Amino acid sequence: MRFKGLDLNLLVVFDALMETHSVTRAAERIGLTQPATSAALRRIREYFGDDIVVSVGKRMHPTPFAEALHPQIQQTLRGIERAIATPTTFDPATSTRRFRIIGSDYIMVAVLVPLIERFARIAPGVRVEIILPNEHSIAELEAARADLLVTPEAFLSAWHPSEILFAEEQVVVGWAENPVFAQGITEEDFYAAGHVTVQFGADRTPAFADSTLSRMGRDRQVEVTVGSFASAPWFIEGTARLAVLHERLVRQIARRFNLAWAPMPFAFPRMNEMIQFHEARAGDPGLVWLREQMRDVAAQSG
């Protein structure tokens, strides 16, 4: 099929070349021979009047024109892929569908572990791939490389629909033998202690509690910063350090570590944990079912 003189199949070749930076690997990805892929590249170059990719050493590098064009082509192709891949019905008892969910290790413990235990009974063929959040999470959702993004409300994309999964309290966590818990932790105790904080990805995005505390204007003594919630207890147990973590997570990790927790010693907002999905897939029966299951599991674990 041609659109304004362009064979639309060439867009698939273009995308593969931009992703792999190699004619050989692009050919393998799309199931063409290397000569056929090279011929397609020549046609792409002729149509756009640009080299598209150029050889530098042993690798091919995109031209500035190709880099600017690629996101638009990629978004178009992913939109088509979503449109033709979305099933009209979904039967969890027989489905072998794989869902990709972006969520922190906290979400794994609070929702996804019991969710997958449930799937073993009601949807044994369904598979779940869990991806830790990073600075590319929104782009992964946008490009249909993820089905759902589970994140606090403050980190949602403005362009796609979302719905609340649950609301969560934040609590102060420390070693069970720390005397501040026996006597009742105060605001002064909180700020006098050393703290463990959590940040995600290469951009070092702080967790909800830590970003909220930083906006409150009073400095803490941050002694350790970790890249996941599951890492925090290792730097708390046996020390005087504190951390502010999600109550659901703390209830689980306290079974494995000698920890105590208490309410925040000053007013602190609850966190709205949200599910976000691509607007084009809002009616996907499988994703509608998945979101319903996640909300039900979250309600039971609250």
C-alpha atoms as a PDB file:
ATOM      1  CA  MET A   1       0.000   0.000   0.000  1.00  0.00           C
ATOM      2  CA  ARG A   2       1.222   3.479  -0.879  1.00  0.00           C
ATOM      3  CA  PHE A   3       0.485   6.755   0.813  1.00  0.00           C
ATOM      4  CA  LYS A   4       1.538   9.882  -1.059  1.00  0.00           C
ATOM      5  CA  GLY A   5       3.950   7.788  -3.094  1.00  0.00           C
ATOM      6  CA  LEU A   6       5.529   6.005  -0.116  1.00  0.00           C
ATOM      7  CA  ASP A   7       5.306   2.238   0.307  1.00  0.00           C
ATOM      8  CA  LEU A   8       4.073   2.023   3.899  1.00  0.00           C
ATOM      9  CA  ASN A   9       5.998  -1.223   4.440  1.00  0.00           C
ATOM     10  CA  LEU A  10       9.136   0.895   4.318  1.00  0.00           C
ATOM     11  CA  LEU A  11       8.128   2.516   7.607  1.00  0.00           C
ATOM     12  CA  VAL A  12       8.551  -0.840   9.358  1.00  0.00           C
ATOM     13  CA  VAL A  13      12.035  -1.142   7.860  1.00  0.00           C
ATOM     14  CA  PHE A  14      12.849   2.424   8.908  1.00  0.00           C
ATOM     15  CA  ASP A  15      11.777   1.730  12.499  1.00  0.00           C
ATOM     16  CA  ALA A  16      13.840  -1.471  12.662  1.00  0.00           C
ATOM     17  CA  LEU A  17      16.916   0.319  11.310  1.00  0.00           C
ATOM     18  CA  MET A  18      16.534   3.087  13.862  1.00  0.00           C
ATOM     19  CA  GLU A  19      16.143   0.605  16.707  1.00  0.00           C
ATOM     20  CA  THR A  20      19.031  -1.711  15.747  1.00  0.00           C
ATOM     21  CA  HIS A  21      21.475   0.605  13.891  1.00  0.00           C
ATOM     22  CA  SER A  22      22.257  -2.411  11.708  1.00  0.00           C
ATOM     23  CA  VAL A  23      20.954  -3.662   8.366  1.00  0.00           C
ATOM     24  CA  THR A  24      21.630  -7.262   9.422  1.00  0.00           C
ATOM     25  CA  ARG A  25      19.806  -7.044  12.745  1.00  0.00           C
ATOM     26  CA  ALA A  26      16.968  -5.026  11.211  1.00  0.00           C
ATOM     27  CA  ALA A  27      16.513  -7.770   8.605  1.00  0.00           C
ATOM     28  CA  GLU A  28      16.394 -10.422  11.347  1.00  0.00           C
ATOM     29  CA  ARG A  29      13.857  -8.408  13.354  1.00  0.00           C
ATOM     30  CA  ILE A  30      11.373  -7.962  10.501  1.00  0.00           C
ATOM     31  CA  GLY A  31      11.945 -11.275   8.740  1.00  0.00           C
ATOM     32  CA  LEU A  32      13.553 -10.016   5.515  1.00  0.00           C
ATOM     33  CA  THR A  33      16.809 -10.989   3.861  1.00  0.00           C
ATOM     34  CA  GLN A  34      19.727  -8.611   4.205  1.00  0.00           C
ATOM     35  CA  PRO A  35      19.684  -7.726   0.458  1.00  0.00           C
ATOM     36  CA  ALA A  36      15.952  -6.958   0.665  1.00  0.00           C
ATOM     37  CA  THR A  37      16.527  -4.735   3.695  1.00  0.00           C
ATOM     38  CA  SER A  38      19.390  -2.936   1.951  1.00  0.00           C
ATOM     39  CA  ALA A  39      17.125  -2.372  -1.056  1.00  0.00           C
ATOM     40  CA  ALA A  40      14.418  -1.007   1.234  1.00  0.00           C
ATOM     41  CA  LEU A  41      16.945   1.385   2.801  1.00  0.00           C
ATOM     42  CA  ARG A  42      17.832   2.682  -0.670  1.00  0.00           C
ATOM     43  CA  ARG A  43      14.165   3.364  -1.377  1.00  0.00           C
ATOM     44  CA  ILE A  44      13.746   5.145   1.970  1.00  0.00           C
ATOM     45  CA  ARG A  45      16.758   7.325   1.186  1.00  0.00           C
ATOM     46  CA  GLU A  46      15.387   8.168  -2.260  1.00  0.00           C
ATOM     47  CA  TYR A  47      11.946   9.086  -0.904  1.00  0.00           C
ATOM     48  CA  PHE A  48      13.173  11.341   1.886  1.00  0.00           C
ATOM     49  CA  GLY A  49      16.278  12.648   0.129  1.00  0.00           C
ATOM     50  CA  ASP A  50      18.398  11.827   3.173  1.00  0.00           C
ATOM     51  CA  ASP A  51      20.989   9.159   4.041  1.00  0.00           C
ATOM     52  CA  ILE A  52      18.885   8.084   7.072  1.00  0.00           C
ATOM     53  CA  VAL A  53      21.782   6.036   8.514  1.00  0.00           C
ATOM     54  CA  VAL A  54      25.505   6.346   7.843  1.00  0.00           C
ATOM     55  CA  SER A  55      28.341   3.942   8.646  1.00  0.00           C
ATOM     56  CA  VAL A  56      30.773   5.033  11.342  1.00  0.00           C
ATOM     57  CA  GLY A  57      33.249   2.276  12.091  1.00  0.00           C
ATOM     58  CA  LYS A  58      31.321  -0.967  12.491  1.00  0.00           C
ATOM     59  CA  ARG A  59      27.995   0.663  13.377  1.00  0.00           C
ATOM     60  CA  MET A  60      25.406   2.671  11.528  1.00  0.00           C
ATOM     61  CA  HIS A  61      24.296   5.954  13.061  1.00  0.00           C
ATOM     62  CA  PRO A  62      21.079   7.858  12.276  1.00  0.00           C
ATOM     63  CA  THR A  63      21.239  11.237  10.617  1.00  0.00           C
ATOM     64  CA  PRO A  64      19.727  14.233  12.452  1.00  0.00           C
ATOM     65  CA  PHE A  65      16.770  14.139  10.037  1.00  0.00           C
ATOM     66  CA  ALA A  66      16.129  10.454  10.810  1.00  0.00           C
ATOM     67  CA  GLU A  67      16.355  11.026  14.556  1.00  0.00           C
ATOM     68  CA  ALA A  68      13.765  13.799  14.313  1.00  0.00           C
ATOM     69  CA  LEU A  69      11.465  11.683  12.142  1.00  0.00           C
ATOM     70  CA  HIS A  70      11.702   8.447  14.121  1.00  0.00           C
ATOM     71  CA  PRO A  71       9.464   9.334  17.114  1.00  0.00           C
ATOM     72  CA  GLN A  72       6.635  10.307  14.782  1.00  0.00           C
ATOM     73  CA  ILE A  73       6.954   7.120  12.716  1.00  0.00           C
ATOM     74  CA  GLN A  74       7.283   5.015  15.863  1.00  0.00           C
ATOM     75  CA  GLN A  75       4.158   6.501  17.407  1.00  0.00           C
ATOM     76  CA  THR A  76       2.208   5.851  14.206  1.00  0.00           C
ATOM     77  CA  LEU A  77       3.356   2.228  13.996  1.00  0.00           C
ATOM     78  CA  ARG A  78       2.623   1.568  17.667  1.00  0.00           C
ATOM     79  CA  GLY A  79      -0.855   3.046  17.232  1.00  0.00           C
ATOM     80  CA  ILE A  80      -1.533   0.672  14.349  1.00  0.00           C
ATOM     81  CA  GLU A  81      -0.149  -2.221  16.380  1.00  0.00           C
ATOM     82  CA  ARG A  82      -2.452  -1.422  19.284  1.00  0.00           C
ATOM     83  CA  ALA A  83      -5.447  -1.109  16.986  1.00  0.00           C
ATOM     84  CA  ILE A  84      -4.991  -4.514  15.346  1.00  0.00           C
ATOM     85  CA  ALA A  85      -3.785  -6.355  18.474  1.00  0.00           C
ATOM     86  CA  THR A  86      -6.633  -5.394  20.767  1.00  0.00           C
ATOM     87  CA  PRO A  87      -8.950  -8.419  21.081  1.00  0.00           C
ATOM     88  CA  THR A  88     -12.710  -7.952  21.088  1.00  0.00           C
ATOM     89  CA  THR A  89     -13.169 -10.467  23.923  1.00  0.00           C
ATOM     90  CA  PHE A  90     -11.100 -11.740  26.824  1.00  0.00           C
ATOM     91  CA  ASP A  91     -11.537 -15.028  28.677  1.00  0.00           C
ATOM     92  CA  PRO A  92      -9.139 -15.177  31.637  1.00  0.00           C
ATOM     93  CA  ALA A  93      -9.652 -18.913  32.080  1.00  0.00           C
ATOM     94  CA  THR A  94      -8.215 -19.684  28.636  1.00  0.00           C
ATOM     95  CA  SER A  95      -6.119 -16.622  27.798  1.00  0.00           C
ATOM     96  CA  THR A  96      -2.335 -16.901  27.405  1.00  0.00           C
ATOM     97  CA  ARG A  97      -1.863 -13.146  27.196  1.00  0.00           C
ATOM     98  CA  ARG A  98       1.231 -11.486  28.684  1.00  0.00           C
ATOM     99  CA  PHE A  99       0.675  -8.198  30.533  1.00  0.00           C
ATOM    100  CA  ARG A 100       3.533  -5.763  31.117  1.00  0.00           C
ATOM    101  CA  ILE A 101       3.141  -3.655  34.266  1.00  0.00           C
ATOM    102  CA  ILE A 102       5.462  -0.854  35.376  1.00  0.00           C
ATOM    103  CA  GLY A 103       5.518  -0.748  39.162  1.00  0.00           C
ATOM    104  CA  SER A 104       7.924  -0.399  42.074  1.00  0.00           C
ATOM    105  CA  ASP A 105       8.964  -3.225  44.364  1.00  0.00           C
ATOM    106  CA  TYR A 106       6.453  -1.760  46.819  1.00  0.00           C
ATOM    107  CA  ILE A 107       3.664  -2.406  44.275  1.00  0.00           C
ATOM    108  CA  MET A 108       5.002  -5.917  43.763  1.00  0.00           C
ATOM    109  CA  VAL A 109       4.615  -6.677  47.475  1.00  0.00           C
ATOM    110  CA  ALA A 110       1.367  -4.791  48.054  1.00  0.00           C
ATOM    111  CA  VAL A 111      -0.565  -5.879  44.955  1.00  0.00           C
ATOM    112  CA  LEU A 112       1.249  -7.943  42.349  1.00  0.00           C
ATOM    113  CA  VAL A 113       2.308 -10.909  44.487  1.00  0.00           C
ATOM    114  CA  PRO A 114      -1.264 -11.603  45.686  1.00  0.00           C
ATOM    115  CA  LEU A 115      -2.551 -10.795  42.191  1.00  0.00           C
ATOM    116  CA  ILE A 116      -0.386 -13.473  40.589  1.00  0.00           C
ATOM    117  CA  GLU A 117      -1.367 -15.939  43.317  1.00  0.00           C
ATOM    118  CA  ARG A 118      -4.978 -15.272  42.312  1.00  0.00           C
ATOM    119  CA  PHE A 119      -4.146 -15.762  38.618  1.00  0.00           C
ATOM    120  CA  ALA A 120      -2.860 -19.260  39.396  1.00  0.00           C
ATOM    121  CA  ARG A 121      -6.463 -20.121  40.268  1.00  0.00           C
ATOM    122  CA  ILE A 122      -8.576 -18.092  37.838  1.00  0.00           C
ATOM    123  CA  ALA A 123      -6.243 -17.320  34.900  1.00  0.00           C
ATOM    124  CA  PRO A 124      -3.506 -19.964  34.819  1.00  0.00           C
ATOM    125  CA  GLY A 125      -2.332 -19.115  31.305  1.00  0.00           C
ATOM    126  CA  VAL A 126      -1.943 -15.365  31.886  1.00  0.00           C
ATOM    127  CA  ARG A 127       1.628 -14.115  32.310  1.00  0.00           C
ATOM    128  CA  VAL A 128       2.819 -10.899  33.954  1.00  0.00           C
ATOM    129  CA  GLU A 129       6.065  -9.048  33.289  1.00  0.00           C
ATOM    130  CA  ILE A 130       6.987  -6.473  35.942  1.00  0.00           C
ATOM    131  CA  ILE A 131       9.167  -3.503  35.012  1.00  0.00           C
ATOM    132  CA  LEU A 132      10.684  -1.204  37.612  1.00  0.00           C
ATOM    133  CA  PRO A 133       9.872   2.493  37.097  1.00  0.00           C
ATOM    134  CA  ASN A 134      12.487   4.826  35.642  1.00  0.00           C
ATOM    135  CA  GLU A 135      12.727   8.054  33.676  1.00  0.00           C
ATOM    136  CA  HIS A 136      11.446   6.249  30.554  1.00  0.00           C
ATOM    137  CA  SER A 137       8.259   4.824  32.094  1.00  0.00           C
ATOM    138  CA  ILE A 138       5.862   7.255  30.414  1.00  0.00           C
ATOM    139  CA  ALA A 139       7.576   6.700  27.061  1.00  0.00           C
ATOM    140  CA  GLU A 140       7.218   2.926  27.520  1.00  0.00           C
ATOM    141  CA  LEU A 141       3.477   3.347  28.063  1.00  0.00           C
ATOM    142  CA  GLU A 142       3.243   5.731  25.110  1.00  0.00           C
ATOM    143  CA  ALA A 143       5.012   3.291  22.788  1.00  0.00           C
ATOM    144  CA  ALA A 144       2.863   0.310  23.899  1.00  0.00           C
ATOM    145  CA  ARG A 145       5.856  -1.435  25.441  1.00  0.00           C
ATOM    146  CA  ALA A 146       3.921  -1.474  28.719  1.00  0.00           C
ATOM    147  CA  ASP A 147       0.232  -2.079  29.384  1.00  0.00           C
ATOM    148  CA  LEU A 148      -0.135  -0.305  32.726  1.00  0.00           C
ATOM    149  CA  LEU A 149       1.836   2.168  34.803  1.00  0.00           C
ATOM    150  CA  VAL A 150       1.247   2.059  38.577  1.00  0.00           C
ATOM    151  CA  THR A 151       2.524   5.254  40.198  1.00  0.00           C
ATOM    152  CA  PRO A 152       1.673   7.963  42.727  1.00  0.00           C
ATOM    153  CA  GLU A 153      -0.654  10.633  41.388  1.00  0.00           C
ATOM    154  CA  ALA A 154       2.093  13.264  41.159  1.00  0.00           C
ATOM    155  CA  PHE A 155       4.009  11.226  38.551  1.00  0.00           C
ATOM    156  CA  LEU A 156       1.177  10.590  36.075  1.00  0.00           C
ATOM    157  CA  SER A 157       1.277  11.639  32.443  1.00  0.00           C
ATOM    158  CA  ALA A 158      -1.180  14.404  31.611  1.00  0.00           C
ATOM    159  CA  TRP A 159      -2.053  12.800  28.273  1.00  0.00           C
ATOM    160  CA  HIS A 160      -3.618   9.478  29.248  1.00  0.00           C
ATOM    161  CA  PRO A 161      -6.458   8.346  31.521  1.00  0.00           C
ATOM    162  CA  SER A 162      -5.863   7.010  35.011  1.00  0.00           C
ATOM    163  CA  GLU A 163      -7.839   5.685  37.956  1.00  0.00           C
ATOM    164  CA  ILE A 164      -7.110   5.279  41.640  1.00  0.00           C
ATOM    165  CA  LEU A 165      -5.850   1.904  42.809  1.00  0.00           C
ATOM    166  CA  PHE A 166      -5.806   2.707  46.531  1.00  0.00           C
ATOM    167  CA  ALA A 167      -4.913   5.410  49.050  1.00  0.00           C
ATOM    168  CA  GLU A 168      -1.994   4.745  51.370  1.00  0.00           C
ATOM    169  CA  GLU A 169      -0.701   6.085  54.672  1.00  0.00           C
ATOM    170  CA  GLN A 170       3.006   6.769  55.185  1.00  0.00           C
ATOM    171  CA  VAL A 171       4.611   5.601  58.447  1.00  0.00           C
ATOM    172  CA  VAL A 172       7.923   6.080  60.233  1.00  0.00           C
ATOM    173  CA  VAL A 173       9.978   2.887  60.247  1.00  0.00           C
ATOM    174  CA  GLY A 174      12.970   1.980  62.418  1.00  0.00           C
ATOM    175  CA  TRP A 175      14.736  -0.800  64.259  1.00  0.00           C
ATOM    176  CA  ALA A 176      12.409  -2.410  66.795  1.00  0.00           C
ATOM    177  CA  GLU A 177      14.966  -1.837  69.566  1.00  0.00           C
ATOM    178  CA  ASN A 178      15.252   1.880  68.855  1.00  0.00           C
ATOM    179  CA  PRO A 179      14.021   3.536  72.099  1.00  0.00           C
ATOM    180  CA  VAL A 180      12.160   6.322  70.283  1.00  0.00           C
ATOM    181  CA  PHE A 181       9.426   3.832  69.385  1.00  0.00           C
ATOM    182  CA  ALA A 182       8.932   2.706  72.986  1.00  0.00           C
ATOM    183  CA  GLN A 183       8.576   6.264  74.260  1.00  0.00           C
ATOM    184  CA  GLY A 184       6.517   7.558  71.345  1.00  0.00           C
ATOM    185  CA  ILE A 185       8.290   9.245  68.459  1.00  0.00           C
ATOM    186  CA  THR A 186       8.065  13.041  68.313  1.00  0.00           C
ATOM    187  CA  GLU A 187       8.727  15.512  65.522  1.00  0.00           C
ATOM    188  CA  GLU A 188      12.042  16.421  67.158  1.00  0.00           C
ATOM    189  CA  ASP A 189      13.011  12.731  67.358  1.00  0.00           C
ATOM    190  CA  PHE A 190      12.169  12.400  63.681  1.00  0.00           C
ATOM    191  CA  TYR A 191      14.399  15.246  62.551  1.00  0.00           C
ATOM    192  CA  ALA A 192      17.220  14.441  64.983  1.00  0.00           C
ATOM    193  CA  ALA A 193      17.670  10.947  63.531  1.00  0.00           C
ATOM    194  CA  GLY A 194      19.604   9.907  60.443  1.00  0.00           C
ATOM    195  CA  HIS A 195      17.386   8.864  57.531  1.00  0.00           C
ATOM    196  CA  VAL A 196      17.265   6.377  54.670  1.00  0.00           C
ATOM    197  CA  THR A 197      15.624   7.698  51.497  1.00  0.00           C
ATOM    198  CA  VAL A 198      14.543   6.090  48.224  1.00  0.00           C
ATOM    199  CA  GLN A 199      15.198   7.423  44.707  1.00  0.00           C
ATOM    200  CA  PHE A 200      14.513   5.782  41.341  1.00  0.00           C
ATOM    201  CA  GLY A 201      16.261   5.654  37.971  1.00  0.00           C
ATOM    202  CA  ALA A 202      19.141   7.584  36.494  1.00  0.00           C
ATOM    203  CA  ASP A 203      17.310  10.843  37.194  1.00  0.00           C
ATOM    204  CA  ARG A 204      17.168   9.943  40.918  1.00  0.00           C
ATOM    205  CA  THR A 205      13.443  10.625  41.248  1.00  0.00           C
ATOM    206  CA  PRO A 206      12.542  10.612  44.964  1.00  0.00           C
ATOM    207  CA  ALA A 207       9.775   8.403  46.321  1.00  0.00           C
ATOM    208  CA  PHE A 208       6.474  10.017  47.288  1.00  0.00           C
ATOM    209  CA  ALA A 209       7.299  10.411  50.989  1.00  0.00           C
ATOM    210  CA  ASP A 210      10.762  11.803  50.364  1.00  0.00           C
ATOM    211  CA  SER A 211       9.603  14.295  47.732  1.00  0.00           C
ATOM    212  CA  THR A 212       6.773  15.410  50.040  1.00  0.00           C
ATOM    213  CA  LEU A 213       9.161  15.881  52.976  1.00  0.00           C
ATOM    214  CA  SER A 214      11.559  17.912  50.844  1.00  0.00           C
ATOM    215  CA  ARG A 215       8.713  20.299  49.968  1.00  0.00           C
ATOM    216  CA  MET A 216       7.889  20.789  53.644  1.00  0.00           C
ATOM    217  CA  GLY A 217      10.999  22.912  54.000  1.00  0.00           C
ATOM    218  CA  ARG A 218      12.796  21.309  56.932  1.00  0.00           C
ATOM    219  CA  ASP A 219      16.045  19.471  56.245  1.00  0.00           C
ATOM    220  CA  ARG A 220      16.591  15.881  57.338  1.00  0.00           C
ATOM    221  CA  GLN A 221      19.886  14.141  58.023  1.00  0.00           C
ATOM    222  CA  VAL A 222      19.972  11.806  55.018  1.00  0.00           C
ATOM    223  CA  GLU A 223      22.651   9.187  55.659  1.00  0.00           C
ATOM    224  CA  VAL A 224      21.760   6.578  53.023  1.00  0.00           C
ATOM    225  CA  THR A 225      19.932   6.780  49.681  1.00  0.00           C
ATOM    226  CA  VAL A 226      18.850   3.529  48.014  1.00  0.00           C
ATOM    227  CA  GLY A 227      17.317   2.695  44.644  1.00  0.00           C
ATOM    228  CA  SER A 228      14.437   0.514  45.848  1.00  0.00           C
ATOM    229  CA  PHE A 229      12.101   0.194  48.812  1.00  0.00           C
ATOM    230  CA  ALA A 230      13.268  -3.366  49.465  1.00  0.00           C
ATOM    231  CA  SER A 231      16.810  -2.114  50.110  1.00  0.00           C
ATOM    232  CA  ALA A 232      15.822   0.281  52.896  1.00  0.00           C
ATOM    233  CA  PRO A 233      15.395  -2.256  55.782  1.00  0.00           C
ATOM    234  CA  TRP A 234      18.997  -3.427  55.432  1.00  0.00           C
ATOM    235  CA  PHE A 235      20.178   0.064  56.366  1.00  0.00           C
ATOM    236  CA  ILE A 236      17.651   0.477  59.201  1.00  0.00           C
ATOM    237  CA  GLU A 237      17.822  -2.720  61.234  1.00  0.00           C
ATOM    238  CA  GLY A 238      20.405  -2.502  64.016  1.00  0.00           C
ATOM    239  CA  THR A 239      20.774   1.285  63.688  1.00  0.00           C
ATOM    240  CA  ALA A 240      19.137   4.494  64.902  1.00  0.00           C
ATOM    241  CA  ARG A 241      18.146   5.429  61.342  1.00  0.00           C
ATOM    242  CA  LEU A 242      14.558   6.042  60.292  1.00  0.00           C
ATOM    243  CA  ALA A 243      12.713   5.948  56.986  1.00  0.00           C
ATOM    244  CA  VAL A 244       9.253   6.955  55.826  1.00  0.00           C
ATOM    245  CA  LEU A 245       7.656   4.111  53.896  1.00  0.00           C
ATOM    246  CA  HIS A 246       4.236   2.878  52.781  1.00  0.00           C
ATOM    247  CA  GLU A 247       2.232   1.151  55.505  1.00  0.00           C
ATOM    248  CA  ARG A 248       1.299  -1.862  53.336  1.00  0.00           C
ATOM    249  CA  LEU A 249       4.949  -2.444  52.498  1.00  0.00           C
ATOM    250  CA  VAL A 250       6.044  -2.096  56.102  1.00  0.00           C
ATOM    251  CA  ARG A 251       3.518  -4.675  57.302  1.00  0.00           C
ATOM    252  CA  GLN A 252       5.091  -7.174  54.899  1.00  0.00           C
ATOM    253  CA  ILE A 253       8.785  -6.439  55.443  1.00  0.00           C
ATOM    254  CA  ALA A 254       8.355  -6.352  59.237  1.00  0.00           C
ATOM    255  CA  ARG A 255       7.772 -10.119  59.029  1.00  0.00           C
ATOM    256  CA  ARG A 256      11.334 -10.558  57.784  1.00  0.00           C
ATOM    257  CA  PHE A 257      13.159  -7.777  59.626  1.00  0.00           C
ATOM    258  CA  ASN A 258      13.164  -6.705  63.282  1.00  0.00           C
ATOM    259  CA  LEU A 259      11.375  -3.416  62.625  1.00  0.00           C
ATOM    260  CA  ALA A 260       8.878  -1.158  64.342  1.00  0.00           C
ATOM    261  CA  TRP A 261       6.729   1.571  62.865  1.00  0.00           C
ATOM    262  CA  ALA A 262       4.605   4.462  64.052  1.00  0.00           C
ATOM    263  CA  PRO A 263       2.328   7.111  62.554  1.00  0.00           C
ATOM    264  CA  MET A 264       3.970  10.256  61.267  1.00  0.00           C
ATOM    265  CA  PRO A 265       4.502  12.660  64.214  1.00  0.00           C
ATOM    266  CA  PHE A 266       3.054  15.563  62.224  1.00  0.00           C
ATOM    267  CA  ALA A 267       0.371  16.064  59.577  1.00  0.00           C
ATOM    268  CA  PHE A 268       1.275  14.219  56.384  1.00  0.00           C
ATOM    269  CA  PRO A 269      -0.781  13.594  53.238  1.00  0.00           C
ATOM    270  CA  ARG A 270      -2.008  10.201  52.150  1.00  0.00           C
ATOM    271  CA  MET A 271      -0.658   8.944  48.856  1.00  0.00           C
ATOM    272  CA  ASN A 272      -3.030   8.137  45.981  1.00  0.00           C
ATOM    273  CA  GLU A 273      -1.570   5.199  44.083  1.00  0.00           C
ATOM    274  CA  MET A 274      -2.871   5.291  40.516  1.00  0.00           C
ATOM    275  CA  ILE A 275      -3.156   3.021  37.487  1.00  0.00           C
ATOM    276  CA  GLN A 276      -2.483   4.707  34.143  1.00  0.00           C
ATOM    277  CA  PHE A 277      -3.080   3.251  30.682  1.00  0.00           C
ATOM    278  CA  HIS A 278      -2.915   4.427  27.092  1.00  0.00           C
ATOM    279  CA  GLU A 279      -6.009   6.287  25.945  1.00  0.00           C
ATOM    280  CA  ALA A 280      -6.249   4.135  22.817  1.00  0.00           C
ATOM    281  CA  ARG A 281      -6.525   0.997  24.974  1.00  0.00           C
ATOM    282  CA  ALA A 282      -9.002   2.218  27.565  1.00  0.00           C
ATOM    283  CA  GLY A 283     -11.617  -0.237  26.268  1.00  0.00           C
ATOM    284  CA  ASP A 284      -9.307  -3.231  25.835  1.00  0.00           C
ATOM    285  CA  PRO A 285     -11.280  -6.061  27.537  1.00  0.00           C
ATOM    286  CA  GLY A 286      -8.122  -7.695  28.867  1.00  0.00           C
ATOM    287  CA  LEU A 287      -6.860  -4.491  30.447  1.00  0.00           C
ATOM    288  CA  VAL A 288     -10.306  -3.684  31.847  1.00  0.00           C
ATOM    289  CA  TRP A 289     -10.292  -7.114  33.515  1.00  0.00           C
ATOM    290  CA  LEU A 290      -6.704  -6.679  34.766  1.00  0.00           C
ATOM    291  CA  ARG A 291      -7.475  -3.307  36.341  1.00  0.00           C
ATOM    292  CA  GLU A 292     -10.568  -4.750  38.044  1.00  0.00           C
ATOM    293  CA  GLN A 293      -8.481  -7.585  39.496  1.00  0.00           C
ATOM    294  CA  MET A 294      -5.817  -5.194  40.751  1.00  0.00           C
ATOM    295  CA  ARG A 295      -8.390  -2.949  42.448  1.00  0.00           C
ATOM    296  CA  ASP A 296     -10.017  -5.962  44.108  1.00  0.00           C
ATOM    297  CA  VAL A 297      -6.685  -7.303  45.398  1.00  0.00           C
ATOM    298  CA  ALA A 298      -5.696  -3.843  46.651  1.00  0.00           C
ATOM    299  CA  ALA A 299      -8.999  -3.489  48.513  1.00  0.00           C
ATOM    300  CA  GLN A 300      -8.480  -6.843  50.235  1.00  0.00           C
ATOM    301  CA  SER A 301      -4.894  -6.052  51.273  1.00  0.00           C
ATOM    302  CA  GLY A 302      -5.696  -2.586  52.644  1.00  0.00           C
END
